[in-house]
Amino acid sequence: MAHHYLCKGSDLAEGCARGFDPRGEGDDTIFVVRKDGRLHAYRDACPHYGDTPMAWRKDAYLDGAATRIVCSAHGAQFAIDTGICTLGPCLGQALTPVPLALAAPDDIYAVLEET
């Protein structure tokens, strides 16, 4: 497993989401959401259509109230804390979680399998 630097924790505000390209592939492949002080990271791919990116524009992963993750392709909604689809065609399926590692003083890393 390899640690890939994402950002400073202070760069991700409460109730916000942000996409990242940890391997430098040219597109965001994961995203991180801060909710209730906790960080939740997922692969940027809807389970309904395999590799369909979730955001309709850069970092637009959440609904207007910042209470759900929304797939821009078909409007499915996912719980932020579990990644489970609560509304839409992939009901009961889940986003793929991405493990995170925190390092002093305020660094966030994605823990990814080496390719």
C-alpha atoms as a PDB file:
ATOM      1  CA  MET A   1       0.000   0.000   0.000  1.00  0.00           C
ATOM      2  CA  ALA A   2       1.215   3.473  -0.831  1.00  0.00           C
ATOM      3  CA  HIS A   3       0.374   6.774   0.824  1.00  0.00           C
ATOM      4  CA  HIS A   4      -0.546   9.573  -1.600  1.00  0.00           C
ATOM      5  CA  TYR A   5      -0.667  13.127  -0.288  1.00  0.00           C
ATOM      6  CA  LEU A   6      -4.040  14.827  -0.844  1.00  0.00           C
ATOM      7  CA  CYS A   7      -4.145  18.088   1.103  1.00  0.00           C
ATOM      8  CA  LYS A   8      -3.991  19.773   4.481  1.00  0.00           C
ATOM      9  CA  GLY A   9      -6.965  18.993   6.707  1.00  0.00           C
ATOM     10  CA  SER A  10      -7.539  22.709   7.069  1.00  0.00           C
ATOM     11  CA  ASP A  11      -8.078  22.908   3.277  1.00  0.00           C
ATOM     12  CA  LEU A  12     -11.266  20.811   3.552  1.00  0.00           C
ATOM     13  CA  ALA A  13     -13.995  22.727   5.371  1.00  0.00           C
ATOM     14  CA  GLU A  14     -16.892  21.190   7.265  1.00  0.00           C
ATOM     15  CA  GLY A  15     -19.735  20.201   4.928  1.00  0.00           C
ATOM     16  CA  CYS A  16     -17.536  20.311   1.830  1.00  0.00           C
ATOM     17  CA  ALA A  17     -16.249  17.738  -0.635  1.00  0.00           C
ATOM     18  CA  ARG A  18     -13.197  17.817  -2.838  1.00  0.00           C
ATOM     19  CA  GLY A  19     -11.936  15.575  -5.630  1.00  0.00           C
ATOM     20  CA  PHE A  20      -8.337  14.405  -5.953  1.00  0.00           C
ATOM     21  CA  ASP A  21      -6.067  12.805  -8.524  1.00  0.00           C
ATOM     22  CA  PRO A  22      -3.614  11.049  -6.185  1.00  0.00           C
ATOM     23  CA  ARG A  23      -1.762   9.141  -8.916  1.00  0.00           C
ATOM     24  CA  GLY A  24      -1.566  12.036 -11.370  1.00  0.00           C
ATOM     25  CA  GLU A  25      -3.742  10.314 -13.979  1.00  0.00           C
ATOM     26  CA  GLY A  26      -5.348  13.541 -15.200  1.00  0.00           C
ATOM     27  CA  ASP A  27      -8.793  13.137 -13.598  1.00  0.00           C
ATOM     28  CA  ASP A  28     -10.084  13.029 -10.047  1.00  0.00           C
ATOM     29  CA  THR A  29     -10.328   9.375  -9.063  1.00  0.00           C
ATOM     30  CA  ILE A  30     -11.297   9.805  -5.413  1.00  0.00           C
ATOM     31  CA  PHE A  31     -13.131  12.398  -3.343  1.00  0.00           C
ATOM     32  CA  VAL A  32     -13.148  13.309   0.328  1.00  0.00           C
ATOM     33  CA  VAL A  33     -16.041  14.767   2.327  1.00  0.00           C
ATOM     34  CA  ARG A  34     -15.820  16.351   5.790  1.00  0.00           C
ATOM     35  CA  LYS A  35     -19.028  15.825   7.770  1.00  0.00           C
ATOM     36  CA  ASP A  36     -19.434  16.314  11.518  1.00  0.00           C
ATOM     37  CA  GLY A  37     -15.670  16.698  11.822  1.00  0.00           C
ATOM     38  CA  ARG A  38     -14.949  13.293  10.245  1.00  0.00           C
ATOM     39  CA  LEU A  39     -13.386  12.588   6.869  1.00  0.00           C
ATOM     40  CA  HIS A  40     -14.995  10.132   4.438  1.00  0.00           C
ATOM     41  CA  ALA A  41     -13.251   9.151   1.198  1.00  0.00           C
ATOM     42  CA  TYR A  42     -14.631   7.237  -1.759  1.00  0.00           C
ATOM     43  CA  ARG A  43     -13.637   6.199  -5.248  1.00  0.00           C
ATOM     44  CA  ASP A  44     -15.068   8.735  -7.724  1.00  0.00           C
ATOM     45  CA  ALA A  45     -17.224   6.175  -9.538  1.00  0.00           C
ATOM     46  CA  CYS A  46     -20.935   5.457  -9.273  1.00  0.00           C
ATOM     47  CA  PRO A  47     -21.751   1.794  -8.529  1.00  0.00           C
ATOM     48  CA  HIS A  48     -24.648   1.997 -11.000  1.00  0.00           C
ATOM     49  CA  TYR A  49     -22.403   2.669 -14.008  1.00  0.00           C
ATOM     50  CA  GLY A  50     -18.990   1.411 -12.920  1.00  0.00           C
ATOM     51  CA  ASP A  51     -16.621   4.212 -13.846  1.00  0.00           C
ATOM     52  CA  THR A  52     -19.066   7.106 -14.207  1.00  0.00           C
ATOM     53  CA  PRO A  53     -17.649  10.114 -12.323  1.00  0.00           C
ATOM     54  CA  MET A  54     -19.902  11.407  -9.560  1.00  0.00           C
ATOM     55  CA  ALA A  55     -19.485  15.199  -9.866  1.00  0.00           C
ATOM     56  CA  TRP A  56     -21.080  17.302 -12.618  1.00  0.00           C
ATOM     57  CA  ARG A  57     -18.273  19.866 -12.203  1.00  0.00           C
ATOM     58  CA  LYS A  58     -15.076  20.064 -10.174  1.00  0.00           C
ATOM     59  CA  ASP A  59     -15.751  19.231  -6.499  1.00  0.00           C
ATOM     60  CA  ALA A  60     -19.579  19.181  -6.930  1.00  0.00           C
ATOM     61  CA  TYR A  61     -20.280  15.929  -5.083  1.00  0.00           C
ATOM     62  CA  LEU A  62     -22.936  17.025  -2.580  1.00  0.00           C
ATOM     63  CA  ASP A  63     -26.555  18.097  -2.740  1.00  0.00           C
ATOM     64  CA  GLY A  64     -27.424  21.737  -2.054  1.00  0.00           C
ATOM     65  CA  ALA A  65     -27.858  21.124   1.688  1.00  0.00           C
ATOM     66  CA  ALA A  66     -24.548  19.173   1.884  1.00  0.00           C
ATOM     67  CA  THR A  67     -26.362  16.220   3.481  1.00  0.00           C
ATOM     68  CA  ARG A  68     -25.957  13.626   0.703  1.00  0.00           C
ATOM     69  CA  ILE A  69     -23.502  12.648  -2.014  1.00  0.00           C
ATOM     70  CA  VAL A  70     -25.210  12.839  -5.416  1.00  0.00           C
ATOM     71  CA  CYS A  71     -24.307  11.171  -8.704  1.00  0.00           C
ATOM     72  CA  SER A  72     -24.619  13.710 -11.484  1.00  0.00           C
ATOM     73  CA  ALA A  73     -25.276  11.020 -14.122  1.00  0.00           C
ATOM     74  CA  HIS A  74     -28.616   9.848 -12.738  1.00  0.00           C
ATOM     75  CA  GLY A  75     -29.274  11.600  -9.429  1.00  0.00           C
ATOM     76  CA  ALA A  76     -28.679   8.684  -7.066  1.00  0.00           C
ATOM     77  CA  GLN A  77     -28.110   9.817  -3.490  1.00  0.00           C
ATOM     78  CA  PHE A  78     -25.651   8.289  -1.047  1.00  0.00           C
ATOM     79  CA  ALA A  79     -25.180   8.619   2.717  1.00  0.00           C
ATOM     80  CA  ILE A  80     -21.983  10.535   3.408  1.00  0.00           C
ATOM     81  CA  ASP A  81     -20.896   8.410   6.373  1.00  0.00           C
ATOM     82  CA  THR A  82     -21.468   4.963   4.782  1.00  0.00           C
ATOM     83  CA  GLY A  83     -21.512   5.552   1.019  1.00  0.00           C
ATOM     84  CA  ILE A  84     -24.707   3.481   0.751  1.00  0.00           C
ATOM     85  CA  CYS A  85     -27.213   4.507  -1.917  1.00  0.00           C
ATOM     86  CA  THR A  86     -30.414   5.670  -0.249  1.00  0.00           C
ATOM     87  CA  LEU A  87     -32.288   6.851  -3.359  1.00  0.00           C
ATOM     88  CA  GLY A  88     -31.982   5.976  -7.042  1.00  0.00           C
ATOM     89  CA  PRO A  89     -31.369   3.048  -9.380  1.00  0.00           C
ATOM     90  CA  CYS A  90     -28.492   1.630  -7.340  1.00  0.00           C
ATOM     91  CA  LEU A  91     -30.491   1.505  -4.083  1.00  0.00           C
ATOM     92  CA  GLY A  92     -28.619  -0.523  -1.466  1.00  0.00           C
ATOM     93  CA  GLN A  93     -25.342  -0.529  -3.395  1.00  0.00           C
ATOM     94  CA  ALA A  94     -22.443   1.504  -2.055  1.00  0.00           C
ATOM     95  CA  LEU A  95     -19.583   3.700  -3.131  1.00  0.00           C
ATOM     96  CA  THR A  96     -16.143   2.133  -2.779  1.00  0.00           C
ATOM     97  CA  PRO A  97     -14.456   3.524   0.353  1.00  0.00           C
ATOM     98  CA  VAL A  98     -10.852   4.723   0.208  1.00  0.00           C
ATOM     99  CA  PRO A  99      -8.761   4.469   3.385  1.00  0.00           C
ATOM    100  CA  LEU A 100      -7.164   7.668   4.619  1.00  0.00           C
ATOM    101  CA  ALA A 101      -4.149   8.273   6.816  1.00  0.00           C
ATOM    102  CA  LEU A 102      -3.577  11.443   8.813  1.00  0.00           C
ATOM    103  CA  ALA A 103      -0.096  12.680   9.581  1.00  0.00           C
ATOM    104  CA  ALA A 104       1.221  15.551  11.654  1.00  0.00           C
ATOM    105  CA  PRO A 105       0.780  18.357  11.567  1.00  0.00           C
ATOM    106  CA  ASP A 106      -2.332  18.412   9.345  1.00  0.00           C
ATOM    107  CA  ASP A 107      -1.740  16.204   6.284  1.00  0.00           C
ATOM    108  CA  ILE A 108      -4.295  13.878   4.677  1.00  0.00           C
ATOM    109  CA  TYR A 109      -3.124  10.894   2.609  1.00  0.00           C
ATOM    110  CA  ALA A 110      -5.038   8.338   0.556  1.00  0.00           C
ATOM    111  CA  VAL A 111      -3.854   4.791   1.208  1.00  0.00           C
ATOM    112  CA  LEU A 112      -3.956   3.042  -2.165  1.00  0.00           C
ATOM    113  CA  GLU A 113      -2.761  -0.245  -3.537  1.00  0.00           C
ATOM    114  CA  GLU A 114       0.380   0.096  -5.603  1.00  0.00           C
ATOM    115  CA  THR A 115      -0.103  -0.275  -9.336  1.00  0.00           C
END
